[in-house]
Amino acid sequence: MSSLLSLPLMLLLHAAPAATAEPAVFAPGVVSTGNEEFGATFSPDGRTVVFTRADPTRFGFQVLMVSQWREGRWTAPEVLPFSGRYRDIDPSFTPDGRRLFFASVRPQSEGEKVHPDFDIWLVERTEKGWGAPRLAEGLNTPEDETNTSVTREGAVYVTRSPKGGARRIVRHAPRGNGWAEGEPLPESINSGKGDGNHFVDPDERYLVFSSQRPGGSSDFDLYVSEREEQGWRAPRNLGLAVNRTEGAFTPTVVATRGTLVYAQRRLFSTAPPERALTTKEFAERLAAPGNGQGDFYEVPLAVVGLAAPGK
């Protein structure tokens, strides 16, 4: 792991988050739509976003989609060339942008239609395009492995969910061309209350994750834990700037934008509208972000007391 937190970074991470900031919808109508979206990851230059889009049930089928920042706008998302057949979720770029990790139930052996659990796969990204996905040997078990986040030195943090049990976060240190056996993070993070959906700072200075631990504003709140010489500090709730009654999940820090991007399922309505909706208005609201399906929101890092990677 990297060296201790600097004093300025410690002051920033410990700063009380503002509760009045209103997060903005990320790429409304393009990336954030009336469909179910979650699990975004950005290339190091911030000009490519890969994310998960799912069917309306959220659990039947999911694909990985990509959008590019061109001429001042995000392009219409397209299904990645290696996705679109099996359930693929939770993409994560490496800090150098040369690899993309994701979770999938795609077959792992001849004769398999689908694999019985989610495992971690990776694919190389070059100037010529995407390679063929391969199983990330050393990161997988008979349990479900979903979210990943990769450090600059090559350690991989994985969300692991036992059958019928609470999910938790484990760290796989790099070893040779692969990874060592995973080490669960301490009980201050793995509380036994569904801890996961995480992002780790590339230099391992802090970890942002969602949890169902008591004291939150919703079923899943976002927390941050910073690392010291003695280990990971007690997590701090990111506050009402992001944590609302609907919950928040799949966070990622985007250095080039200076924001925290995360998924949230805003309720279609919490109170009757001021006037009756017309047929057209109702249809437009059903097809837009904020209809109860997952969308992406972003908030400035300073609002939640986070530092940009590399800063």
C-alpha atoms as a PDB file:
ATOM      1  CA  MET A   1       0.000   0.000   0.000  1.00  0.00           C
ATOM      2  CA  SER A   2       1.001   3.614  -0.403  1.00  0.00           C
ATOM      3  CA  SER A   3       2.370   5.918   2.285  1.00  0.00           C
ATOM      4  CA  LEU A   4       0.377   7.599   5.036  1.00  0.00           C
ATOM      5  CA  LEU A   5      -2.231  10.245   4.336  1.00  0.00           C
ATOM      6  CA  SER A   6      -0.888  13.771   4.102  1.00  0.00           C
ATOM      7  CA  LEU A   7      -2.211  16.371   6.539  1.00  0.00           C
ATOM      8  CA  PRO A   8      -4.145  18.325   3.845  1.00  0.00           C
ATOM      9  CA  LEU A   9      -5.772  15.114   2.641  1.00  0.00           C
ATOM     10  CA  MET A  10      -6.662  14.091   6.185  1.00  0.00           C
ATOM     11  CA  LEU A  11      -8.288  17.474   6.774  1.00  0.00           C
ATOM     12  CA  LEU A  12     -10.276  17.133   3.550  1.00  0.00           C
ATOM     13  CA  LEU A  13     -11.436  13.608   4.286  1.00  0.00           C
ATOM     14  CA  HIS A  14     -12.471  14.552   7.803  1.00  0.00           C
ATOM     15  CA  ALA A  15     -14.333  17.654   6.676  1.00  0.00           C
ATOM     16  CA  ALA A  16     -18.053  17.654   7.390  1.00  0.00           C
ATOM     17  CA  PRO A  17     -19.960  17.109   4.113  1.00  0.00           C
ATOM     18  CA  ALA A  18     -22.442  19.732   3.017  1.00  0.00           C
ATOM     19  CA  ALA A  19     -26.032  18.560   3.307  1.00  0.00           C
ATOM     20  CA  THR A  20     -27.598  21.137   0.980  1.00  0.00           C
ATOM     21  CA  ALA A  21     -25.847  20.372  -2.319  1.00  0.00           C
ATOM     22  CA  GLU A  22     -28.131  18.994  -5.002  1.00  0.00           C
ATOM     23  CA  PRO A  23     -26.453  16.285  -7.092  1.00  0.00           C
ATOM     24  CA  ALA A  24     -26.775  16.631 -10.856  1.00  0.00           C
ATOM     25  CA  VAL A  25     -27.994  13.875 -13.146  1.00  0.00           C
ATOM     26  CA  PHE A  26     -25.046  12.625 -15.183  1.00  0.00           C
ATOM     27  CA  ALA A  27     -25.604  12.775 -18.968  1.00  0.00           C
ATOM     28  CA  PRO A  28     -29.417  12.905 -18.760  1.00  0.00           C
ATOM     29  CA  GLY A  29     -31.236  11.299 -21.665  1.00  0.00           C
ATOM     30  CA  VAL A  30     -28.014   9.700 -22.938  1.00  0.00           C
ATOM     31  CA  VAL A  31     -26.354   7.655 -20.198  1.00  0.00           C
ATOM     32  CA  SER A  32     -28.952   8.273 -17.487  1.00  0.00           C
ATOM     33  CA  THR A  33     -32.305   7.426 -19.063  1.00  0.00           C
ATOM     34  CA  GLY A  34     -35.628   5.839 -18.201  1.00  0.00           C
ATOM     35  CA  ASN A  35     -33.844   2.485 -18.203  1.00  0.00           C
ATOM     36  CA  GLU A  36     -32.058   0.862 -15.254  1.00  0.00           C
ATOM     37  CA  GLU A  37     -28.403   1.982 -15.139  1.00  0.00           C
ATOM     38  CA  PHE A  38     -25.714   1.423 -12.538  1.00  0.00           C
ATOM     39  CA  GLY A  39     -22.015   0.655 -12.156  1.00  0.00           C
ATOM     40  CA  ALA A  40     -20.190   3.363 -14.130  1.00  0.00           C
ATOM     41  CA  THR A  41     -16.418   3.507 -14.636  1.00  0.00           C
ATOM     42  CA  PHE A  42     -14.404   6.183 -16.462  1.00  0.00           C
ATOM     43  CA  SER A  43     -11.174   5.994 -18.445  1.00  0.00           C
ATOM     44  CA  PRO A  44      -8.253   7.951 -16.915  1.00  0.00           C
ATOM     45  CA  ASP A  45      -8.818  10.884 -19.300  1.00  0.00           C
ATOM     46  CA  GLY A  46     -12.506  10.970 -18.396  1.00  0.00           C
ATOM     47  CA  ARG A  47     -13.603  10.755 -22.036  1.00  0.00           C
ATOM     48  CA  THR A  48     -14.927   7.181 -21.981  1.00  0.00           C
ATOM     49  CA  VAL A  49     -17.599   5.879 -19.640  1.00  0.00           C
ATOM     50  CA  VAL A  50     -18.559   2.205 -19.437  1.00  0.00           C
ATOM     51  CA  PHE A  51     -21.652   1.291 -17.471  1.00  0.00           C
ATOM     52  CA  THR A  52     -24.330  -1.352 -16.886  1.00  0.00           C
ATOM     53  CA  ARG A  53     -27.789  -1.098 -18.400  1.00  0.00           C
ATOM     54  CA  ALA A  54     -30.390  -3.659 -17.350  1.00  0.00           C
ATOM     55  CA  ASP A  55     -33.843  -4.858 -18.313  1.00  0.00           C
ATOM     56  CA  PRO A  56     -36.752  -3.351 -16.314  1.00  0.00           C
ATOM     57  CA  THR A  57     -36.740  -6.226 -13.794  1.00  0.00           C
ATOM     58  CA  ARG A  58     -33.055  -5.362 -13.007  1.00  0.00           C
ATOM     59  CA  PHE A  59     -32.208  -9.030 -12.432  1.00  0.00           C
ATOM     60  CA  GLY A  60     -32.977 -10.815 -15.701  1.00  0.00           C
ATOM     61  CA  PHE A  61     -30.458  -9.383 -18.143  1.00  0.00           C
ATOM     62  CA  GLN A  62     -27.705  -6.771 -18.113  1.00  0.00           C
ATOM     63  CA  VAL A  63     -25.218  -5.505 -20.690  1.00  0.00           C
ATOM     64  CA  LEU A  64     -22.131  -3.321 -20.651  1.00  0.00           C
ATOM     65  CA  MET A  65     -22.436  -0.134 -22.677  1.00  0.00           C
ATOM     66  CA  VAL A  66     -19.924   2.545 -23.649  1.00  0.00           C
ATOM     67  CA  SER A  67     -20.266   6.249 -24.391  1.00  0.00           C
ATOM     68  CA  GLN A  68     -17.561   8.671 -25.557  1.00  0.00           C
ATOM     69  CA  TRP A  69     -17.142  12.401 -24.898  1.00  0.00           C
ATOM     70  CA  ARG A  70     -16.916  13.978 -28.356  1.00  0.00           C
ATOM     71  CA  GLU A  71     -17.447  17.542 -29.517  1.00  0.00           C
ATOM     72  CA  GLY A  72     -18.789  18.638 -26.158  1.00  0.00           C
ATOM     73  CA  ARG A  73     -21.306  15.868 -25.592  1.00  0.00           C
ATOM     74  CA  TRP A  74     -21.653  12.192 -24.716  1.00  0.00           C
ATOM     75  CA  THR A  75     -22.324   9.913 -27.676  1.00  0.00           C
ATOM     76  CA  ALA A  76     -25.276   7.537 -27.851  1.00  0.00           C
ATOM     77  CA  PRO A  77     -24.229   4.465 -25.825  1.00  0.00           C
ATOM     78  CA  GLU A  78     -23.418   1.233 -27.633  1.00  0.00           C
ATOM     79  CA  VAL A  79     -23.181  -2.312 -26.319  1.00  0.00           C
ATOM     80  CA  LEU A  80     -19.528  -3.303 -25.981  1.00  0.00           C
ATOM     81  CA  PRO A  81     -18.478  -5.857 -28.616  1.00  0.00           C
ATOM     82  CA  PHE A  82     -17.876  -8.601 -26.044  1.00  0.00           C
ATOM     83  CA  SER A  83     -21.154  -8.015 -24.167  1.00  0.00           C
ATOM     84  CA  GLY A  84     -24.817  -8.397 -25.104  1.00  0.00           C
ATOM     85  CA  ARG A  85     -25.344 -12.143 -24.693  1.00  0.00           C
ATOM     86  CA  TYR A  86     -24.798 -12.934 -21.020  1.00  0.00           C
ATOM     87  CA  ARG A  87     -25.420 -11.019 -17.813  1.00  0.00           C
ATOM     88  CA  ASP A  88     -22.454  -8.609 -17.531  1.00  0.00           C
ATOM     89  CA  ILE A  89     -22.293  -6.043 -14.715  1.00  0.00           C
ATOM     90  CA  ASP A  90     -20.075  -3.709 -12.670  1.00  0.00           C
ATOM     91  CA  PRO A  91     -17.250  -2.633 -15.025  1.00  0.00           C
ATOM     92  CA  SER A  92     -14.047  -1.128 -13.576  1.00  0.00           C
ATOM     93  CA  PHE A  93     -11.119   0.405 -15.446  1.00  0.00           C
ATOM     94  CA  THR A  94      -7.598  -0.031 -14.119  1.00  0.00           C
ATOM     95  CA  PRO A  95      -5.902   3.298 -13.234  1.00  0.00           C
ATOM     96  CA  ASP A  96      -3.926   3.207 -16.503  1.00  0.00           C
ATOM     97  CA  GLY A  97      -7.048   2.437 -18.564  1.00  0.00           C
ATOM     98  CA  ARG A  98      -5.485  -0.586 -20.255  1.00  0.00           C
ATOM     99  CA  ARG A  99      -7.778  -3.159 -18.684  1.00  0.00           C
ATOM    100  CA  LEU A 100     -11.445  -3.389 -17.831  1.00  0.00           C
ATOM    101  CA  PHE A 101     -12.672  -5.735 -15.118  1.00  0.00           C
ATOM    102  CA  PHE A 102     -16.321  -6.801 -14.953  1.00  0.00           C
ATOM    103  CA  ALA A 103     -18.542  -9.498 -13.453  1.00  0.00           C
ATOM    104  CA  SER A 104     -20.389 -12.053 -15.559  1.00  0.00           C
ATOM    105  CA  VAL A 105     -22.230 -15.369 -15.521  1.00  0.00           C
ATOM    106  CA  ARG A 106     -20.893 -16.252 -18.994  1.00  0.00           C
ATOM    107  CA  PRO A 107     -19.894 -19.923 -19.466  1.00  0.00           C
ATOM    108  CA  GLN A 108     -16.480 -20.984 -18.219  1.00  0.00           C
ATOM    109  CA  SER A 109     -16.369 -24.482 -19.695  1.00  0.00           C
ATOM    110  CA  GLU A 110     -17.659 -26.343 -22.698  1.00  0.00           C
ATOM    111  CA  GLY A 111     -21.265 -27.386 -22.258  1.00  0.00           C
ATOM    112  CA  GLU A 112     -22.112 -24.648 -19.752  1.00  0.00           C
ATOM    113  CA  LYS A 113     -25.036 -22.452 -20.766  1.00  0.00           C
ATOM    114  CA  VAL A 114     -24.397 -19.947 -18.012  1.00  0.00           C
ATOM    115  CA  HIS A 115     -22.204 -20.103 -14.928  1.00  0.00           C
ATOM    116  CA  PRO A 116     -24.091 -20.549 -11.630  1.00  0.00           C
ATOM    117  CA  ASP A 117     -22.549 -17.472 -10.006  1.00  0.00           C
ATOM    118  CA  PHE A 118     -20.996 -14.146 -10.959  1.00  0.00           C
ATOM    119  CA  ASP A 119     -17.228 -14.228 -11.412  1.00  0.00           C
ATOM    120  CA  ILE A 120     -14.679 -11.583 -12.355  1.00  0.00           C
ATOM    121  CA  TRP A 121     -13.448 -11.318 -15.937  1.00  0.00           C
ATOM    122  CA  LEU A 122     -11.026  -8.908 -17.557  1.00  0.00           C
ATOM    123  CA  VAL A 123     -10.443  -7.601 -21.052  1.00  0.00           C
ATOM    124  CA  GLU A 124      -7.511  -5.697 -22.531  1.00  0.00           C
ATOM    125  CA  ARG A 125      -8.079  -2.322 -24.179  1.00  0.00           C
ATOM    126  CA  THR A 126      -5.664  -1.155 -26.868  1.00  0.00           C
ATOM    127  CA  GLU A 127      -5.592   1.568 -29.520  1.00  0.00           C
ATOM    128  CA  LYS A 128      -7.034  -1.031 -31.918  1.00  0.00           C
ATOM    129  CA  GLY A 129     -10.000  -1.821 -29.672  1.00  0.00           C
ATOM    130  CA  TRP A 130     -11.087  -4.423 -27.163  1.00  0.00           C
ATOM    131  CA  GLY A 131      -9.621  -7.896 -26.816  1.00  0.00           C
ATOM    132  CA  ALA A 132     -11.381 -11.109 -25.825  1.00  0.00           C
ATOM    133  CA  PRO A 133     -12.487 -11.397 -22.174  1.00  0.00           C
ATOM    134  CA  ARG A 134     -10.715 -13.937 -19.987  1.00  0.00           C
ATOM    135  CA  LEU A 135     -11.435 -15.197 -16.509  1.00  0.00           C
ATOM    136  CA  ALA A 136      -9.481 -13.321 -13.829  1.00  0.00           C
ATOM    137  CA  GLU A 137      -7.801 -16.352 -12.284  1.00  0.00           C
ATOM    138  CA  GLY A 138      -7.221 -15.988  -8.561  1.00  0.00           C
ATOM    139  CA  LEU A 139     -10.081 -13.566  -7.930  1.00  0.00           C
ATOM    140  CA  ASN A 140     -12.962 -16.034  -8.039  1.00  0.00           C
ATOM    141  CA  THR A 141     -14.577 -18.554  -5.667  1.00  0.00           C
ATOM    142  CA  PRO A 142     -17.871 -20.512  -5.588  1.00  0.00           C
ATOM    143  CA  GLU A 143     -19.421 -17.349  -4.103  1.00  0.00           C
ATOM    144  CA  ASP A 144     -20.624 -14.362  -6.148  1.00  0.00           C
ATOM    145  CA  GLU A 145     -17.904 -11.872  -7.083  1.00  0.00           C
ATOM    146  CA  THR A 146     -19.267  -8.615  -8.472  1.00  0.00           C
ATOM    147  CA  ASN A 147     -17.799  -5.127  -7.984  1.00  0.00           C
ATOM    148  CA  THR A 148     -14.070  -4.598  -8.447  1.00  0.00           C
ATOM    149  CA  SER A 149     -11.756  -1.632  -7.971  1.00  0.00           C
ATOM    150  CA  VAL A 150      -8.061  -1.704  -8.840  1.00  0.00           C
ATOM    151  CA  THR A 151      -5.117   0.112  -7.264  1.00  0.00           C
ATOM    152  CA  ARG A 152      -2.113   1.569  -9.017  1.00  0.00           C
ATOM    153  CA  GLU A 153       0.083  -1.283  -7.790  1.00  0.00           C
ATOM    154  CA  GLY A 154      -2.372  -3.879  -9.101  1.00  0.00           C
ATOM    155  CA  ALA A 155      -4.269  -4.945  -5.984  1.00  0.00           C
ATOM    156  CA  VAL A 156      -7.922  -5.731  -6.676  1.00  0.00           C
ATOM    157  CA  TYR A 157     -10.693  -5.032  -4.170  1.00  0.00           C
ATOM    158  CA  VAL A 158     -13.641  -7.370  -4.773  1.00  0.00           C
ATOM    159  CA  THR A 159     -17.196  -7.478  -3.409  1.00  0.00           C
ATOM    160  CA  ARG A 160     -17.862 -11.113  -2.467  1.00  0.00           C
ATOM    161  CA  SER A 161     -21.302 -12.449  -1.541  1.00  0.00           C
ATOM    162  CA  PRO A 162     -21.757 -15.884   0.039  1.00  0.00           C
ATOM    163  CA  LYS A 163     -24.927 -17.801  -0.745  1.00  0.00           C
ATOM    164  CA  GLY A 164     -27.536 -16.576   1.693  1.00  0.00           C
ATOM    165  CA  GLY A 165     -25.050 -14.337   3.526  1.00  0.00           C
ATOM    166  CA  ALA A 166     -24.031 -10.704   3.691  1.00  0.00           C
ATOM    167  CA  ARG A 167     -21.651  -9.373   1.074  1.00  0.00           C
ATOM    168  CA  ARG A 168     -18.192  -8.162   2.103  1.00  0.00           C
ATOM    169  CA  ILE A 169     -15.087  -6.575   0.579  1.00  0.00           C
ATOM    170  CA  VAL A 170     -11.824  -8.493   0.154  1.00  0.00           C
ATOM    171  CA  ARG A 171      -8.426  -7.335  -1.087  1.00  0.00           C
ATOM    172  CA  HIS A 172      -6.346  -9.460  -3.469  1.00  0.00           C
ATOM    173  CA  ALA A 173      -2.705  -8.384  -3.521  1.00  0.00           C
ATOM    174  CA  PRO A 174      -0.860  -8.702  -6.851  1.00  0.00           C
ATOM    175  CA  ARG A 175       1.313 -11.802  -7.129  1.00  0.00           C
ATOM    176  CA  GLY A 176       3.258 -12.634 -10.276  1.00  0.00           C
ATOM    177  CA  ASN A 177       0.892 -12.382 -13.227  1.00  0.00           C
ATOM    178  CA  GLY A 178      -2.128 -12.841 -10.975  1.00  0.00           C
ATOM    179  CA  TRP A 179      -3.318 -12.270  -7.451  1.00  0.00           C
ATOM    180  CA  ALA A 180      -2.885 -13.734  -4.002  1.00  0.00           C
ATOM    181  CA  GLU A 181      -5.750 -15.144  -1.962  1.00  0.00           C
ATOM    182  CA  GLY A 182      -8.184 -12.472  -0.877  1.00  0.00           C
ATOM    183  CA  GLU A 183      -7.952 -10.896   2.567  1.00  0.00           C
ATOM    184  CA  PRO A 184     -11.247  -9.579   3.993  1.00  0.00           C
ATOM    185  CA  LEU A 185     -11.125  -5.984   5.135  1.00  0.00           C
ATOM    186  CA  PRO A 186     -11.508  -5.378   8.894  1.00  0.00           C
ATOM    187  CA  GLU A 187     -14.811  -5.460  10.778  1.00  0.00           C
ATOM    188  CA  SER A 188     -14.962  -1.658  10.785  1.00  0.00           C
ATOM    189  CA  ILE A 189     -15.696  -1.970   7.049  1.00  0.00           C
ATOM    190  CA  ASN A 190     -17.088  -5.504   6.797  1.00  0.00           C
ATOM    191  CA  SER A 191     -19.810  -5.023   9.385  1.00  0.00           C
ATOM    192  CA  GLY A 192     -21.894  -8.002   8.302  1.00  0.00           C
ATOM    193  CA  LYS A 193     -24.529  -5.556   7.033  1.00  0.00           C
ATOM    194  CA  GLY A 194     -24.101  -5.840   3.282  1.00  0.00           C
ATOM    195  CA  ASP A 195     -20.874  -3.928   2.668  1.00  0.00           C
ATOM    196  CA  GLY A 196     -19.725  -3.616  -0.951  1.00  0.00           C
ATOM    197  CA  ASN A 197     -20.313  -1.695  -4.208  1.00  0.00           C
ATOM    198  CA  HIS A 198     -16.994  -0.003  -3.578  1.00  0.00           C
ATOM    199  CA  PHE A 199     -14.385   2.313  -5.080  1.00  0.00           C
ATOM    200  CA  VAL A 200     -10.809   2.377  -3.776  1.00  0.00           C
ATOM    201  CA  ASP A 201      -8.525   5.340  -4.359  1.00  0.00           C
ATOM    202  CA  PRO A 202      -5.729   4.142  -6.714  1.00  0.00           C
ATOM    203  CA  ASP A 203      -3.154   4.885  -3.984  1.00  0.00           C
ATOM    204  CA  GLU A 204      -5.354   3.212  -1.336  1.00  0.00           C
ATOM    205  CA  ARG A 205      -5.794   6.388   0.666  1.00  0.00           C
ATOM    206  CA  TYR A 206      -9.537   5.878   1.082  1.00  0.00           C
ATOM    207  CA  LEU A 207     -12.369   3.503   0.248  1.00  0.00           C
ATOM    208  CA  VAL A 208     -15.931   4.520  -0.666  1.00  0.00           C
ATOM    209  CA  PHE A 209     -18.574   1.803  -0.316  1.00  0.00           C
ATOM    210  CA  SER A 210     -22.268   1.224   0.326  1.00  0.00           C
ATOM    211  CA  SER A 211     -23.598  -0.445   3.450  1.00  0.00           C
ATOM    212  CA  GLN A 212     -26.821  -1.372   5.219  1.00  0.00           C
ATOM    213  CA  ARG A 213     -25.324  -0.728   8.653  1.00  0.00           C
ATOM    214  CA  PRO A 214     -27.579   0.986  11.220  1.00  0.00           C
ATOM    215  CA  GLY A 215     -27.784   4.764  11.311  1.00  0.00           C
ATOM    216  CA  GLY A 216     -28.097   5.407   7.580  1.00  0.00           C
ATOM    217  CA  SER A 217     -30.720   7.389   5.697  1.00  0.00           C
ATOM    218  CA  SER A 218     -31.789   4.484   3.490  1.00  0.00           C
ATOM    219  CA  ASP A 219     -31.366   0.775   2.825  1.00  0.00           C
ATOM    220  CA  PHE A 220     -27.913   1.505   1.338  1.00  0.00           C
ATOM    221  CA  ASP A 221     -25.874   4.568   2.299  1.00  0.00           C
ATOM    222  CA  LEU A 222     -22.451   5.525   0.980  1.00  0.00           C
ATOM    223  CA  TYR A 223     -19.562   5.659   3.467  1.00  0.00           C
ATOM    224  CA  VAL A 224     -15.864   6.483   3.252  1.00  0.00           C
ATOM    225  CA  SER A 225     -13.032   4.964   5.273  1.00  0.00           C
ATOM    226  CA  GLU A 226      -9.527   6.414   5.092  1.00  0.00           C
ATOM    227  CA  ARG A 227      -6.389   4.364   5.684  1.00  0.00           C
ATOM    228  CA  GLU A 228      -3.784   5.119   8.312  1.00  0.00           C
ATOM    229  CA  GLU A 229      -0.646   3.319   9.435  1.00  0.00           C
ATOM    230  CA  GLN A 230      -2.749   1.335  11.912  1.00  0.00           C
ATOM    231  CA  GLY A 231      -5.261   0.336   9.233  1.00  0.00           C
ATOM    232  CA  TRP A 232      -8.652   1.502   8.027  1.00  0.00           C
ATOM    233  CA  ARG A 233     -10.446   4.133  10.090  1.00  0.00           C
ATOM    234  CA  ALA A 234     -14.053   3.852  11.196  1.00  0.00           C
ATOM    235  CA  PRO A 235     -16.223   4.731   8.166  1.00  0.00           C
ATOM    236  CA  ARG A 236     -17.876   8.137   7.847  1.00  0.00           C
ATOM    237  CA  ASN A 237     -21.323   8.495   6.298  1.00  0.00           C
ATOM    238  CA  LEU A 238     -21.157  10.774   3.245  1.00  0.00           C
ATOM    239  CA  GLY A 239     -24.267  12.566   4.419  1.00  0.00           C
ATOM    240  CA  LEU A 240     -27.450  13.888   2.872  1.00  0.00           C
ATOM    241  CA  ALA A 241     -25.602  15.291  -0.125  1.00  0.00           C
ATOM    242  CA  VAL A 242     -25.785  11.758  -1.584  1.00  0.00           C
ATOM    243  CA  ASN A 243     -27.597   9.536   0.923  1.00  0.00           C
ATOM    244  CA  ARG A 244     -31.343   9.905   0.639  1.00  0.00           C
ATOM    245  CA  THR A 245     -34.321   7.679   1.233  1.00  0.00           C
ATOM    246  CA  GLU A 246     -33.700   5.863  -2.065  1.00  0.00           C
ATOM    247  CA  GLY A 247     -30.159   4.708  -1.231  1.00  0.00           C
ATOM    248  CA  ALA A 248     -26.940   5.076  -3.216  1.00  0.00           C
ATOM    249  CA  PHE A 249     -24.594   2.489  -4.697  1.00  0.00           C
ATOM    250  CA  THR A 250     -21.763   1.742  -7.173  1.00  0.00           C
ATOM    251  CA  PRO A 251     -19.695   4.895  -6.432  1.00  0.00           C
ATOM    252  CA  THR A 252     -16.719   5.970  -8.509  1.00  0.00           C
ATOM    253  CA  VAL A 253     -14.450   9.003  -8.199  1.00  0.00           C
ATOM    254  CA  VAL A 254     -13.756  10.774 -11.511  1.00  0.00           C
ATOM    255  CA  ALA A 255     -10.579  12.826 -11.143  1.00  0.00           C
ATOM    256  CA  THR A 256     -10.934  14.735 -14.422  1.00  0.00           C
ATOM    257  CA  ARG A 257     -14.445  15.863 -13.499  1.00  0.00           C
ATOM    258  CA  GLY A 258     -13.676  16.420  -9.823  1.00  0.00           C
ATOM    259  CA  THR A 259     -16.823  14.547  -8.892  1.00  0.00           C
ATOM    260  CA  LEU A 260     -18.214  11.473  -7.201  1.00  0.00           C
ATOM    261  CA  VAL A 261     -20.512   9.594  -9.588  1.00  0.00           C
ATOM    262  CA  TYR A 262     -22.906   7.016  -8.176  1.00  0.00           C
ATOM    263  CA  ALA A 263     -26.179   5.257  -8.976  1.00  0.00           C
ATOM    264  CA  GLN A 264     -29.491   5.967  -7.294  1.00  0.00           C
ATOM    265  CA  ARG A 265     -33.104   4.974  -7.880  1.00  0.00           C
ATOM    266  CA  ARG A 266     -35.043   8.181  -7.306  1.00  0.00           C
ATOM    267  CA  LEU A 267     -38.725   7.540  -6.664  1.00  0.00           C
ATOM    268  CA  PHE A 268     -41.088   8.586  -9.445  1.00  0.00           C
ATOM    269  CA  SER A 269     -43.171  10.563  -6.954  1.00  0.00           C
ATOM    270  CA  THR A 270     -43.128  11.182  -3.221  1.00  0.00           C
ATOM    271  CA  ALA A 271     -46.160  13.508  -3.238  1.00  0.00           C
ATOM    272  CA  PRO A 272     -48.950  14.437  -5.664  1.00  0.00           C
ATOM    273  CA  PRO A 273     -47.844  16.904  -8.380  1.00  0.00           C
ATOM    274  CA  GLU A 274     -49.015  20.494  -8.129  1.00  0.00           C
ATOM    275  CA  ARG A 275     -51.358  19.842 -11.049  1.00  0.00           C
ATOM    276  CA  ALA A 276     -52.593  16.840 -12.963  1.00  0.00           C
ATOM    277  CA  LEU A 277     -50.143  15.456 -15.505  1.00  0.00           C
ATOM    278  CA  THR A 278     -51.201  15.252 -19.122  1.00  0.00           C
ATOM    279  CA  THR A 279     -50.813  12.066 -21.129  1.00  0.00           C
ATOM    280  CA  LYS A 280     -47.713  13.486 -22.812  1.00  0.00           C
ATOM    281  CA  GLU A 281     -46.168  14.673 -19.529  1.00  0.00           C
ATOM    282  CA  PHE A 282     -46.767  11.334 -17.866  1.00  0.00           C
ATOM    283  CA  ALA A 283     -45.173   9.474 -20.788  1.00  0.00           C
ATOM    284  CA  GLU A 284     -42.177  11.838 -20.783  1.00  0.00           C
ATOM    285  CA  ARG A 285     -41.629  11.342 -17.052  1.00  0.00           C
ATOM    286  CA  LEU A 286     -41.852   7.570 -17.399  1.00  0.00           C
ATOM    287  CA  ALA A 287     -39.115   7.667 -20.054  1.00  0.00           C
ATOM    288  CA  ALA A 288     -36.798  10.033 -18.165  1.00  0.00           C
ATOM    289  CA  PRO A 289     -34.381   9.779 -15.232  1.00  0.00           C
ATOM    290  CA  GLY A 290     -36.067   9.796 -11.847  1.00  0.00           C
ATOM    291  CA  ASN A 291     -38.761   7.279 -12.766  1.00  0.00           C
ATOM    292  CA  GLY A 292     -37.736   4.734 -10.123  1.00  0.00           C
ATOM    293  CA  GLN A 293     -35.077   3.014 -12.222  1.00  0.00           C
ATOM    294  CA  GLY A 294     -31.350   3.455 -11.627  1.00  0.00           C
ATOM    295  CA  ASP A 295     -29.675   6.631 -12.876  1.00  0.00           C
ATOM    296  CA  PHE A 296     -26.277   8.245 -12.365  1.00  0.00           C
ATOM    297  CA  TYR A 297     -25.796  11.329 -10.230  1.00  0.00           C
ATOM    298  CA  GLU A 298     -22.658  13.317  -9.546  1.00  0.00           C
ATOM    299  CA  VAL A 299     -21.597  15.701  -6.825  1.00  0.00           C
ATOM    300  CA  PRO A 300     -18.359  17.700  -6.401  1.00  0.00           C
ATOM    301  CA  LEU A 301     -15.740  15.854  -4.346  1.00  0.00           C
ATOM    302  CA  ALA A 302     -15.365  18.757  -1.939  1.00  0.00           C
ATOM    303  CA  VAL A 303     -19.053  18.487  -1.025  1.00  0.00           C
ATOM    304  CA  VAL A 304     -18.509  14.992   0.388  1.00  0.00           C
ATOM    305  CA  GLY A 305     -14.979  15.619   1.677  1.00  0.00           C
ATOM    306  CA  LEU A 306     -13.116  13.441  -0.835  1.00  0.00           C
ATOM    307  CA  ALA A 307      -9.833  14.039  -2.635  1.00  0.00           C
ATOM    308  CA  ALA A 308      -9.320  13.367  -6.319  1.00  0.00           C
ATOM    309  CA  PRO A 309      -7.031  10.436  -7.173  1.00  0.00           C
ATOM    310  CA  GLY A 310      -3.436  11.595  -7.424  1.00  0.00           C
ATOM    311  CA  LYS A 311      -4.119  14.814  -5.483  1.00  0.00           C
END
